[in-house]
C-alpha cells in the first residue's frame, strides 16, 4: 500500500503498540505536548486508543497529527538523555516478550536474521502442538479496544498417531453506549451487504493456526456449525471463522480437530491486544 501511494518501496517496517509505549514512558518519564498536555505511562494507552476518537470524532487529519506528535515527542525523549538506559532496555525487553514490537526487513539477509528472534513474529517450522488465535477487525472501526478474550486448548492423551484436540475462543464485546460513528460504525462492511449491523457490533475474523498436519473436524459458533475459510502458513493449517458480536454480548467459537501426536511442549502464543489473556492449556506433552 505504501508503494501504491508513494511510488517508493520501504526498506523495512517497525511496529510498536500503545502498551509498549506505556512501558517506554514508564522508564523514560512523561513527555509534554506543545499545548502543555502531559503524556504519561498511565494515560497514553487510553489517550491513543480511546480518548483520541472522542476528541476528534470526525477530523481525521487532526487526529493523525495528534498521534504523530505524541510519537515524535516520545522519540525525542528516548533518543536524548534518559534517566536510566537499563530501565529503558528492560521496558523494551518486556514489550518484545509480549509481542508488542515487530520488525520486518525487505532485505532477505536481514530478514533471515530477524526471524531468529521473537520480533519477527514468524510461525514456527516444527511439528510440536500449536494453537495461535489471531483476531482481525472486519468492520473498519476501532472496536478492538472493547474486546475481551478467553482461549482454551485441550487434547487427548498421547495414544495413537493422531489425537483429538479442541480450541475454544470466547469473545466479549464490552463497548458502552454513545460511541462516535468512527469508533462504532462498520465502514469496512460492503455497502451492498445484505445485513444490518447495529452500531457497536464487532465484526471479527477469528483465525486459528493449528499444529502441522492438523485436520479440522468441525467449527461451531455458539453451538452451531459455521462456514470455515482454510489456508496454510509455513506448514501450519489455518481455519478462519467470521463472527458478529453485539455490544454487551459474548460469543464462543469451538474448533474440533484431529492432530498428529507430536513430541514437544504445546505452544499457545497470544496476540498482543489491550486485554490480558492467559490461555488455559490442557495438552499432555508427548515424547514421540
C-alpha atoms as a PDB file:
ATOM      1  CA  UNK A   1       0.000   0.000   0.000  1.00  0.00           C
ATOM      2  CA  UNK A   2       2.887   2.345   0.742  1.00  0.00           C
ATOM      3  CA  UNK A   3       4.324   1.681  -2.718  1.00  0.00           C
ATOM      4  CA  UNK A   4       0.954   2.308  -4.356  1.00  0.00           C
ATOM      5  CA  UNK A   5       0.509   5.611  -2.553  1.00  0.00           C
ATOM      6  CA  UNK A   6       4.044   6.991  -2.750  1.00  0.00           C
ATOM      7  CA  UNK A   7       5.798   5.136  -5.570  1.00  0.00           C
ATOM      8  CA  UNK A   8       8.545   4.166  -3.117  1.00  0.00           C
ATOM      9  CA  UNK A   9       9.383   0.781  -1.620  1.00  0.00           C
ATOM     10  CA  UNK A  10      10.140   0.574   2.086  1.00  0.00           C
ATOM     11  CA  UNK A  11      13.373  -0.872   3.430  1.00  0.00           C
ATOM     12  CA  UNK A  12      11.624  -2.206   6.489  1.00  0.00           C
ATOM     13  CA  UNK A  13       8.811  -1.761   8.980  1.00  0.00           C
ATOM     14  CA  UNK A  14       8.881  -1.359  12.762  1.00  0.00           C
ATOM     15  CA  UNK A  15       5.605  -1.644  14.677  1.00  0.00           C
ATOM     16  CA  UNK A  16       5.139  -0.756  18.342  1.00  0.00           C
ATOM     17  CA  UNK A  17       1.779  -0.738  20.125  1.00  0.00           C
ATOM     18  CA  UNK A  18       0.496   1.768  22.720  1.00  0.00           C
ATOM     19  CA  UNK A  19       1.058  -0.605  25.637  1.00  0.00           C
ATOM     20  CA  UNK A  20       4.715  -0.942  24.669  1.00  0.00           C
ATOM     21  CA  UNK A  21       4.757   2.853  24.501  1.00  0.00           C
ATOM     22  CA  UNK A  22       3.481   2.962  28.077  1.00  0.00           C
ATOM     23  CA  UNK A  23       6.381   0.745  29.164  1.00  0.00           C
ATOM     24  CA  UNK A  24       8.819   3.116  27.452  1.00  0.00           C
ATOM     25  CA  UNK A  25       7.263   6.155  29.128  1.00  0.00           C
ATOM     26  CA  UNK A  26       7.427   4.358  32.460  1.00  0.00           C
ATOM     27  CA  UNK A  27      11.180   4.064  32.002  1.00  0.00           C
ATOM     28  CA  UNK A  28      11.912   7.422  30.403  1.00  0.00           C
ATOM     29  CA  UNK A  29       9.374   9.609  32.184  1.00  0.00           C
ATOM     30  CA  UNK A  30       6.427  11.552  30.707  1.00  0.00           C
ATOM     31  CA  UNK A  31       6.517  13.846  27.690  1.00  0.00           C
ATOM     32  CA  UNK A  32       4.882  17.247  27.321  1.00  0.00           C
ATOM     33  CA  UNK A  33       2.935  18.110  24.191  1.00  0.00           C
ATOM     34  CA  UNK A  34       3.271  21.557  22.541  1.00  0.00           C
ATOM     35  CA  UNK A  35      -0.016  22.654  24.184  1.00  0.00           C
ATOM     36  CA  UNK A  36       1.197  21.552  27.629  1.00  0.00           C
ATOM     37  CA  UNK A  37      -0.704  18.242  27.825  1.00  0.00           C
ATOM     38  CA  UNK A  38       1.235  15.617  29.775  1.00  0.00           C
ATOM     39  CA  UNK A  39       1.509  12.133  28.213  1.00  0.00           C
ATOM     40  CA  UNK A  40       2.420   9.516  30.804  1.00  0.00           C
ATOM     41  CA  UNK A  41       2.739   5.773  31.178  1.00  0.00           C
ATOM     42  CA  UNK A  42      -0.665   5.797  32.885  1.00  0.00           C
ATOM     43  CA  UNK A  43      -2.675   7.698  30.263  1.00  0.00           C
ATOM     44  CA  UNK A  44      -1.020   7.007  26.884  1.00  0.00           C
ATOM     45  CA  UNK A  45      -2.976   3.813  26.144  1.00  0.00           C
ATOM     46  CA  UNK A  46      -6.399   5.306  26.854  1.00  0.00           C
ATOM     47  CA  UNK A  47      -5.490   8.537  25.046  1.00  0.00           C
ATOM     48  CA  UNK A  48      -4.298   6.840  21.861  1.00  0.00           C
ATOM     49  CA  UNK A  49      -6.826   4.005  21.685  1.00  0.00           C
ATOM     50  CA  UNK A  50      -9.984   5.631  23.042  1.00  0.00           C
ATOM     51  CA  UNK A  51      -9.933   9.318  24.018  1.00  0.00           C
ATOM     52  CA  UNK A  52      -8.472  10.464  20.712  1.00  0.00           C
ATOM     53  CA  UNK A  53     -11.577   9.263  18.851  1.00  0.00           C
ATOM     54  CA  UNK A  54     -13.967  11.244  21.031  1.00  0.00           C
ATOM     55  CA  UNK A  55     -11.674  14.278  20.962  1.00  0.00           C
ATOM     56  CA  UNK A  56     -11.502  14.186  17.147  1.00  0.00           C
ATOM     57  CA  UNK A  57     -14.694  12.310  16.158  1.00  0.00           C
ATOM     58  CA  UNK A  58     -14.672  13.461  12.521  1.00  0.00           C
ATOM     59  CA  UNK A  59     -11.410  15.335  11.898  1.00  0.00           C
ATOM     60  CA  UNK A  60      -9.095  12.517  10.883  1.00  0.00           C
ATOM     61  CA  UNK A  61      -6.307  14.875   9.851  1.00  0.00           C
ATOM     62  CA  UNK A  62      -6.232  16.467  13.310  1.00  0.00           C
ATOM     63  CA  UNK A  63      -6.385  13.059  14.969  1.00  0.00           C
ATOM     64  CA  UNK A  64      -3.454  11.701  12.957  1.00  0.00           C
ATOM     65  CA  UNK A  65      -1.457  14.868  13.614  1.00  0.00           C
ATOM     66  CA  UNK A  66      -2.062  14.494  17.342  1.00  0.00           C
ATOM     67  CA  UNK A  67      -0.913  10.854  17.329  1.00  0.00           C
ATOM     68  CA  UNK A  68       2.158  11.751  15.278  1.00  0.00           C
ATOM     69  CA  UNK A  69       3.021  14.491  17.747  1.00  0.00           C
ATOM     70  CA  UNK A  70       2.844  12.014  20.626  1.00  0.00           C
ATOM     71  CA  UNK A  71       5.106   9.593  18.756  1.00  0.00           C
ATOM     72  CA  UNK A  72       7.508  12.397  17.883  1.00  0.00           C
ATOM     73  CA  UNK A  73       7.769  13.597  21.471  1.00  0.00           C
ATOM     74  CA  UNK A  74       8.435  10.048  22.708  1.00  0.00           C
ATOM     75  CA  UNK A  75      11.158   9.529  20.081  1.00  0.00           C
ATOM     76  CA  UNK A  76      12.827  12.792  21.111  1.00  0.00           C
ATOM     77  CA  UNK A  77      12.655  11.690  24.733  1.00  0.00           C
ATOM     78  CA  UNK A  78      14.252   8.280  24.308  1.00  0.00           C
ATOM     79  CA  UNK A  79      16.908   9.406  21.824  1.00  0.00           C
ATOM     80  CA  UNK A  80      18.105  12.114  24.207  1.00  0.00           C
ATOM     81  CA  UNK A  81      19.454  11.754  27.721  1.00  0.00           C
ATOM     82  CA  UNK A  82      17.349   9.255  29.696  1.00  0.00           C
ATOM     83  CA  UNK A  83      17.118   8.612  33.420  1.00  0.00           C
ATOM     84  CA  UNK A  84      18.257   5.005  33.091  1.00  0.00           C
ATOM     85  CA  UNK A  85      19.330   3.160  29.963  1.00  0.00           C
ATOM     86  CA  UNK A  86      18.867  -0.112  31.840  1.00  0.00           C
ATOM     87  CA  UNK A  87      15.246   0.726  32.673  1.00  0.00           C
ATOM     88  CA  UNK A  88      14.591   1.653  29.047  1.00  0.00           C
ATOM     89  CA  UNK A  89      16.112  -1.602  27.800  1.00  0.00           C
ATOM     90  CA  UNK A  90      14.065  -3.539  30.363  1.00  0.00           C
ATOM     91  CA  UNK A  91      10.908  -1.803  29.125  1.00  0.00           C
ATOM     92  CA  UNK A  92      11.709  -2.656  25.517  1.00  0.00           C
ATOM     93  CA  UNK A  93      12.532  -6.236  26.530  1.00  0.00           C
ATOM     94  CA  UNK A  94       9.179  -6.576  28.273  1.00  0.00           C
ATOM     95  CA  UNK A  95       7.400  -5.269  25.173  1.00  0.00           C
ATOM     96  CA  UNK A  96       9.261  -7.745  22.966  1.00  0.00           C
ATOM     97  CA  UNK A  97       8.447 -10.637  25.306  1.00  0.00           C
ATOM     98  CA  UNK A  98       4.744  -9.769  24.999  1.00  0.00           C
ATOM     99  CA  UNK A  99       4.919  -9.492  21.216  1.00  0.00           C
ATOM    100  CA  UNK A 100       4.272  -5.745  21.245  1.00  0.00           C
ATOM    101  CA  UNK A 101       7.178  -4.843  18.959  1.00  0.00           C
ATOM    102  CA  UNK A 102       7.514  -6.282  15.471  1.00  0.00           C
ATOM    103  CA  UNK A 103      10.205  -5.725  12.840  1.00  0.00           C
ATOM    104  CA  UNK A 104      10.333  -6.721   9.157  1.00  0.00           C
ATOM    105  CA  UNK A 105      13.084  -6.059   6.607  1.00  0.00           C
ATOM    106  CA  UNK A 106      12.890  -6.104   2.826  1.00  0.00           C
ATOM    107  CA  UNK A 107      16.478  -7.383   2.787  1.00  0.00           C
ATOM    108  CA  UNK A 108      16.395 -11.214   2.688  1.00  0.00           C
ATOM    109  CA  UNK A 109      19.674 -11.386   4.609  1.00  0.00           C
ATOM    110  CA  UNK A 110      18.452  -9.085   7.361  1.00  0.00           C
ATOM    111  CA  UNK A 111      15.035 -10.711   7.452  1.00  0.00           C
ATOM    112  CA  UNK A 112      16.606 -14.142   7.926  1.00  0.00           C
ATOM    113  CA  UNK A 113      18.452 -12.805  10.977  1.00  0.00           C
ATOM    114  CA  UNK A 114      15.278 -11.185  12.323  1.00  0.00           C
ATOM    115  CA  UNK A 115      13.423 -14.483  12.021  1.00  0.00           C
ATOM    116  CA  UNK A 116      15.797 -15.966  14.563  1.00  0.00           C
ATOM    117  CA  UNK A 117      14.324 -13.564  17.138  1.00  0.00           C
ATOM    118  CA  UNK A 118      10.841 -13.019  18.663  1.00  0.00           C
ATOM    119  CA  UNK A 119      10.438  -9.618  16.968  1.00  0.00           C
ATOM    120  CA  UNK A 120       9.868 -11.252  13.549  1.00  0.00           C
ATOM    121  CA  UNK A 121       6.676 -12.987  14.747  1.00  0.00           C
ATOM    122  CA  UNK A 122       7.139 -15.966  12.417  1.00  0.00           C
ATOM    123  CA  UNK A 123       5.147 -19.173  12.685  1.00  0.00           C
ATOM    124  CA  UNK A 124       7.493 -21.944  13.939  1.00  0.00           C
ATOM    125  CA  UNK A 125       8.570 -24.547  11.404  1.00  0.00           C
ATOM    126  CA  UNK A 126       8.231 -27.665  13.540  1.00  0.00           C
ATOM    127  CA  UNK A 127       5.528 -30.270  14.331  1.00  0.00           C
ATOM    128  CA  UNK A 128       5.053 -29.578  18.074  1.00  0.00           C
ATOM    129  CA  UNK A 129       1.491 -28.872  19.307  1.00  0.00           C
ATOM    130  CA  UNK A 130       0.493 -25.344  18.320  1.00  0.00           C
ATOM    131  CA  UNK A 131      -2.607 -23.174  18.602  1.00  0.00           C
ATOM    132  CA  UNK A 132      -2.360 -19.484  17.718  1.00  0.00           C
ATOM    133  CA  UNK A 133      -5.558 -17.436  17.620  1.00  0.00           C
ATOM    134  CA  UNK A 134      -5.410 -14.269  15.513  1.00  0.00           C
ATOM    135  CA  UNK A 135      -8.166 -11.644  15.600  1.00  0.00           C
ATOM    136  CA  UNK A 136      -8.749  -9.201  12.725  1.00  0.00           C
ATOM    137  CA  UNK A 137     -11.273  -6.384  12.670  1.00  0.00           C
ATOM    138  CA  UNK A 138     -13.554  -6.669   9.618  1.00  0.00           C
ATOM    139  CA  UNK A 139     -15.641  -3.601  10.448  1.00  0.00           C
ATOM    140  CA  UNK A 140     -13.040  -0.969   9.612  1.00  0.00           C
ATOM    141  CA  UNK A 141     -13.647   0.629  13.008  1.00  0.00           C
ATOM    142  CA  UNK A 142     -11.962   0.978  16.412  1.00  0.00           C
ATOM    143  CA  UNK A 143     -13.934  -1.553  18.441  1.00  0.00           C
ATOM    144  CA  UNK A 144     -10.954  -3.724  19.425  1.00  0.00           C
ATOM    145  CA  UNK A 145     -10.406  -1.506  22.478  1.00  0.00           C
ATOM    146  CA  UNK A 146     -13.543  -3.103  23.970  1.00  0.00           C
ATOM    147  CA  UNK A 147     -12.701  -6.735  23.141  1.00  0.00           C
ATOM    148  CA  UNK A 148     -12.118  -9.307  25.883  1.00  0.00           C
ATOM    149  CA  UNK A 149     -10.832 -12.793  25.007  1.00  0.00           C
ATOM    150  CA  UNK A 150     -10.588 -16.230  26.543  1.00  0.00           C
ATOM    151  CA  UNK A 151      -8.656 -19.107  24.940  1.00  0.00           C
ATOM    152  CA  UNK A 152      -8.573 -22.815  25.801  1.00  0.00           C
ATOM    153  CA  UNK A 153      -6.516 -25.564  24.128  1.00  0.00           C
ATOM    154  CA  UNK A 154      -7.210 -29.152  25.175  1.00  0.00           C
ATOM    155  CA  UNK A 155      -6.071 -32.507  23.806  1.00  0.00           C
ATOM    156  CA  UNK A 156      -6.492 -36.225  24.432  1.00  0.00           C
ATOM    157  CA  UNK A 157      -3.689 -38.486  25.621  1.00  0.00           C
ATOM    158  CA  UNK A 158      -0.646 -39.455  23.532  1.00  0.00           C
ATOM    159  CA  UNK A 159      -2.049 -42.838  22.402  1.00  0.00           C
ATOM    160  CA  UNK A 160      -2.014 -43.478  18.658  1.00  0.00           C
ATOM    161  CA  UNK A 161      -0.697 -41.492  15.708  1.00  0.00           C
ATOM    162  CA  UNK A 162      -3.493 -38.916  15.902  1.00  0.00           C
ATOM    163  CA  UNK A 163      -5.411 -37.407  18.818  1.00  0.00           C
ATOM    164  CA  UNK A 164      -8.479 -35.227  19.218  1.00  0.00           C
ATOM    165  CA  UNK A 165      -7.941 -31.618  20.226  1.00  0.00           C
ATOM    166  CA  UNK A 166     -10.273 -28.712  20.902  1.00  0.00           C
ATOM    167  CA  UNK A 167      -9.599 -24.990  20.764  1.00  0.00           C
ATOM    168  CA  UNK A 168     -12.261 -22.775  22.354  1.00  0.00           C
ATOM    169  CA  UNK A 169     -12.310 -18.985  21.944  1.00  0.00           C
ATOM    170  CA  UNK A 170     -14.638 -16.664  23.846  1.00  0.00           C
ATOM    171  CA  UNK A 171     -15.004 -13.072  22.656  1.00  0.00           C
ATOM    172  CA  UNK A 172     -16.847 -10.443  24.698  1.00  0.00           C
ATOM    173  CA  UNK A 173     -17.935  -7.020  23.446  1.00  0.00           C
ATOM    174  CA  UNK A 174     -17.771  -4.568  26.371  1.00  0.00           C
ATOM    175  CA  UNK A 175     -18.479  -1.405  24.356  1.00  0.00           C
ATOM    176  CA  UNK A 176     -20.525   1.297  26.110  1.00  0.00           C
ATOM    177  CA  UNK A 177     -23.350   3.273  24.517  1.00  0.00           C
ATOM    178  CA  UNK A 178     -22.755   6.596  22.807  1.00  0.00           C
ATOM    179  CA  UNK A 179     -19.520   5.867  20.940  1.00  0.00           C
ATOM    180  CA  UNK A 180     -18.850   8.070  17.870  1.00  0.00           C
ATOM    181  CA  UNK A 181     -19.513   6.556  14.453  1.00  0.00           C
ATOM    182  CA  UNK A 182     -15.810   6.479  13.612  1.00  0.00           C
ATOM    183  CA  UNK A 183     -15.374   4.034  16.500  1.00  0.00           C
ATOM    184  CA  UNK A 184     -18.613   2.047  16.419  1.00  0.00           C
ATOM    185  CA  UNK A 185     -19.909   2.063  12.831  1.00  0.00           C
ATOM    186  CA  UNK A 186     -18.817  -0.551  10.275  1.00  0.00           C
ATOM    187  CA  UNK A 187     -17.447   1.271   7.216  1.00  0.00           C
ATOM    188  CA  UNK A 188     -15.454  -1.816   6.280  1.00  0.00           C
ATOM    189  CA  UNK A 189     -18.658  -3.682   5.507  1.00  0.00           C
ATOM    190  CA  UNK A 190     -19.601  -3.613   1.827  1.00  0.00           C
ATOM    191  CA  UNK A 191     -22.363  -1.105   1.155  1.00  0.00           C
ATOM    192  CA  UNK A 192     -24.384  -3.762  -0.679  1.00  0.00           C
ATOM    193  CA  UNK A 193     -24.003  -6.353   2.097  1.00  0.00           C
ATOM    194  CA  UNK A 194     -27.384  -7.985   2.847  1.00  0.00           C
ATOM    195  CA  UNK A 195     -27.088  -7.433   6.606  1.00  0.00           C
ATOM    196  CA  UNK A 196     -27.937  -4.625   9.005  1.00  0.00           C
ATOM    197  CA  UNK A 197     -25.189  -4.232  11.602  1.00  0.00           C
ATOM    198  CA  UNK A 198     -26.148  -2.174  14.679  1.00  0.00           C
ATOM    199  CA  UNK A 199     -23.674   0.424  15.906  1.00  0.00           C
ATOM    200  CA  UNK A 200     -21.139  -1.013  18.317  1.00  0.00           C
ATOM    201  CA  UNK A 201     -21.192  -4.515  16.835  1.00  0.00           C
ATOM    202  CA  UNK A 202     -17.850  -6.266  16.479  1.00  0.00           C
ATOM    203  CA  UNK A 203     -17.356  -7.810  13.043  1.00  0.00           C
ATOM    204  CA  UNK A 204     -14.434 -10.099  13.653  1.00  0.00           C
ATOM    205  CA  UNK A 205     -12.297 -12.580  11.766  1.00  0.00           C
ATOM    206  CA  UNK A 206     -11.051 -15.328  14.078  1.00  0.00           C
ATOM    207  CA  UNK A 207      -8.270 -17.415  12.573  1.00  0.00           C
ATOM    208  CA  UNK A 208      -6.736 -20.462  14.246  1.00  0.00           C
ATOM    209  CA  UNK A 209      -3.238 -21.506  13.187  1.00  0.00           C
ATOM    210  CA  UNK A 210      -3.017 -25.158  14.197  1.00  0.00           C
ATOM    211  CA  UNK A 211      -0.406 -27.904  14.564  1.00  0.00           C
ATOM    212  CA  UNK A 212       1.253 -29.130  11.389  1.00  0.00           C
ATOM    213  CA  UNK A 213      -0.890 -31.895   9.892  1.00  0.00           C
ATOM    214  CA  UNK A 214      -3.997 -30.979  11.893  1.00  0.00           C
ATOM    215  CA  UNK A 215      -7.376 -31.736  10.281  1.00  0.00           C
ATOM    216  CA  UNK A 216     -10.491 -29.748  11.146  1.00  0.00           C
ATOM    217  CA  UNK A 217     -13.462 -31.926  12.085  1.00  0.00           C
ATOM    218  CA  UNK A 218     -15.941 -29.119  12.807  1.00  0.00           C
ATOM    219  CA  UNK A 219     -16.201 -25.453  13.756  1.00  0.00           C
ATOM    220  CA  UNK A 220     -19.048 -24.202  15.922  1.00  0.00           C
ATOM    221  CA  UNK A 221     -20.207 -20.694  16.804  1.00  0.00           C
ATOM    222  CA  UNK A 222     -22.385 -20.735  19.918  1.00  0.00           C
ATOM    223  CA  UNK A 223     -23.004 -24.426  19.271  1.00  0.00           C
ATOM    224  CA  UNK A 224     -23.972 -24.073  15.589  1.00  0.00           C
ATOM    225  CA  UNK A 225     -21.860 -25.234  12.653  1.00  0.00           C
ATOM    226  CA  UNK A 226     -20.409 -22.333  10.638  1.00  0.00           C
ATOM    227  CA  UNK A 227     -18.503 -21.943   7.347  1.00  0.00           C
ATOM    228  CA  UNK A 228     -14.720 -22.055   7.575  1.00  0.00           C
ATOM    229  CA  UNK A 229     -12.075 -20.454   5.345  1.00  0.00           C
ATOM    230  CA  UNK A 230      -8.988 -22.650   5.131  1.00  0.00           C
ATOM    231  CA  UNK A 231      -5.372 -21.738   4.480  1.00  0.00           C
ATOM    232  CA  UNK A 232      -1.762 -22.740   5.087  1.00  0.00           C
ATOM    233  CA  UNK A 233       1.059 -20.747   6.692  1.00  0.00           C
ATOM    234  CA  UNK A 234       4.586 -22.218   6.732  1.00  0.00           C
ATOM    235  CA  UNK A 235       3.184 -25.724   7.033  1.00  0.00           C
ATOM    236  CA  UNK A 236       0.540 -24.855   9.635  1.00  0.00           C
ATOM    237  CA  UNK A 237      -3.096 -25.196   8.540  1.00  0.00           C
ATOM    238  CA  UNK A 238      -5.296 -22.209   9.356  1.00  0.00           C
ATOM    239  CA  UNK A 239      -9.048 -22.102   9.889  1.00  0.00           C
ATOM    240  CA  UNK A 240     -10.961 -18.818   9.841  1.00  0.00           C
ATOM    241  CA  UNK A 241     -14.482 -18.066  11.062  1.00  0.00           C
ATOM    242  CA  UNK A 242     -16.139 -14.663  10.802  1.00  0.00           C
ATOM    243  CA  UNK A 243     -18.473 -13.573  13.595  1.00  0.00           C
ATOM    244  CA  UNK A 244     -20.607 -10.604  14.695  1.00  0.00           C
ATOM    245  CA  UNK A 245     -20.796  -9.786  18.413  1.00  0.00           C
ATOM    246  CA  UNK A 246     -23.305  -7.118  19.520  1.00  0.00           C
ATOM    247  CA  UNK A 247     -22.479  -4.773  22.435  1.00  0.00           C
ATOM    248  CA  UNK A 248     -22.701  -6.460  25.813  1.00  0.00           C
ATOM    249  CA  UNK A 249     -22.675  -9.958  24.310  1.00  0.00           C
ATOM    250  CA  UNK A 250     -20.200 -12.845  24.348  1.00  0.00           C
ATOM    251  CA  UNK A 251     -19.670 -15.319  21.531  1.00  0.00           C
ATOM    252  CA  UNK A 252     -17.999 -18.737  21.718  1.00  0.00           C
ATOM    253  CA  UNK A 253     -16.136 -20.448  18.902  1.00  0.00           C
ATOM    254  CA  UNK A 254     -15.065 -24.078  19.109  1.00  0.00           C
ATOM    255  CA  UNK A 255     -12.678 -25.790  16.714  1.00  0.00           C
ATOM    256  CA  UNK A 256     -12.651 -29.596  16.896  1.00  0.00           C
ATOM    257  CA  UNK A 257      -9.533 -31.076  15.294  1.00  0.00           C
ATOM    258  CA  UNK A 258      -7.596 -34.262  14.792  1.00  0.00           C
ATOM    259  CA  UNK A 259      -3.871 -33.592  15.246  1.00  0.00           C
ATOM    260  CA  UNK A 260      -0.704 -35.676  14.909  1.00  0.00           C
ATOM    261  CA  UNK A 261       0.516 -36.916  18.279  1.00  0.00           C
ATOM    262  CA  UNK A 262       3.727 -34.902  18.095  1.00  0.00           C
ATOM    263  CA  UNK A 263       6.523 -34.543  20.597  1.00  0.00           C
ATOM    264  CA  UNK A 264       7.183 -31.231  22.295  1.00  0.00           C
ATOM    265  CA  UNK A 265       5.540 -28.824  24.683  1.00  0.00           C
ATOM    266  CA  UNK A 266       2.290 -27.184  23.486  1.00  0.00           C
ATOM    267  CA  UNK A 267       2.552 -23.539  22.473  1.00  0.00           C
ATOM    268  CA  UNK A 268      -0.314 -21.048  22.536  1.00  0.00           C
ATOM    269  CA  UNK A 269       1.094 -17.636  21.579  1.00  0.00           C
ATOM    270  CA  UNK A 270      -1.211 -14.755  22.475  1.00  0.00           C
ATOM    271  CA  UNK A 271      -1.835 -11.937  20.005  1.00  0.00           C
ATOM    272  CA  UNK A 272      -0.945  -8.697  21.836  1.00  0.00           C
ATOM    273  CA  UNK A 273      -4.091  -6.592  22.217  1.00  0.00           C
ATOM    274  CA  UNK A 274      -5.365  -4.433  25.061  1.00  0.00           C
ATOM    275  CA  UNK A 275      -6.728  -7.238  27.243  1.00  0.00           C
ATOM    276  CA  UNK A 276      -4.572  -9.680  29.180  1.00  0.00           C
ATOM    277  CA  UNK A 277      -5.076 -13.320  28.168  1.00  0.00           C
ATOM    278  CA  UNK A 278      -3.698 -16.375  29.957  1.00  0.00           C
ATOM    279  CA  UNK A 279      -4.693 -19.391  27.825  1.00  0.00           C
ATOM    280  CA  UNK A 280      -5.986 -22.471  29.616  1.00  0.00           C
ATOM    281  CA  UNK A 281      -3.861 -25.303  28.214  1.00  0.00           C
ATOM    282  CA  UNK A 282      -4.646 -28.952  28.899  1.00  0.00           C
ATOM    283  CA  UNK A 283      -2.460 -30.746  26.361  1.00  0.00           C
ATOM    284  CA  UNK A 284      -0.393 -33.739  27.514  1.00  0.00           C
ATOM    285  CA  UNK A 285       3.222 -33.414  26.369  1.00  0.00           C
ATOM    286  CA  UNK A 286       4.147 -36.421  24.226  1.00  0.00           C
ATOM    287  CA  UNK A 287       7.599 -37.877  23.717  1.00  0.00           C
ATOM    288  CA  UNK A 288       7.224 -39.110  20.163  1.00  0.00           C
END
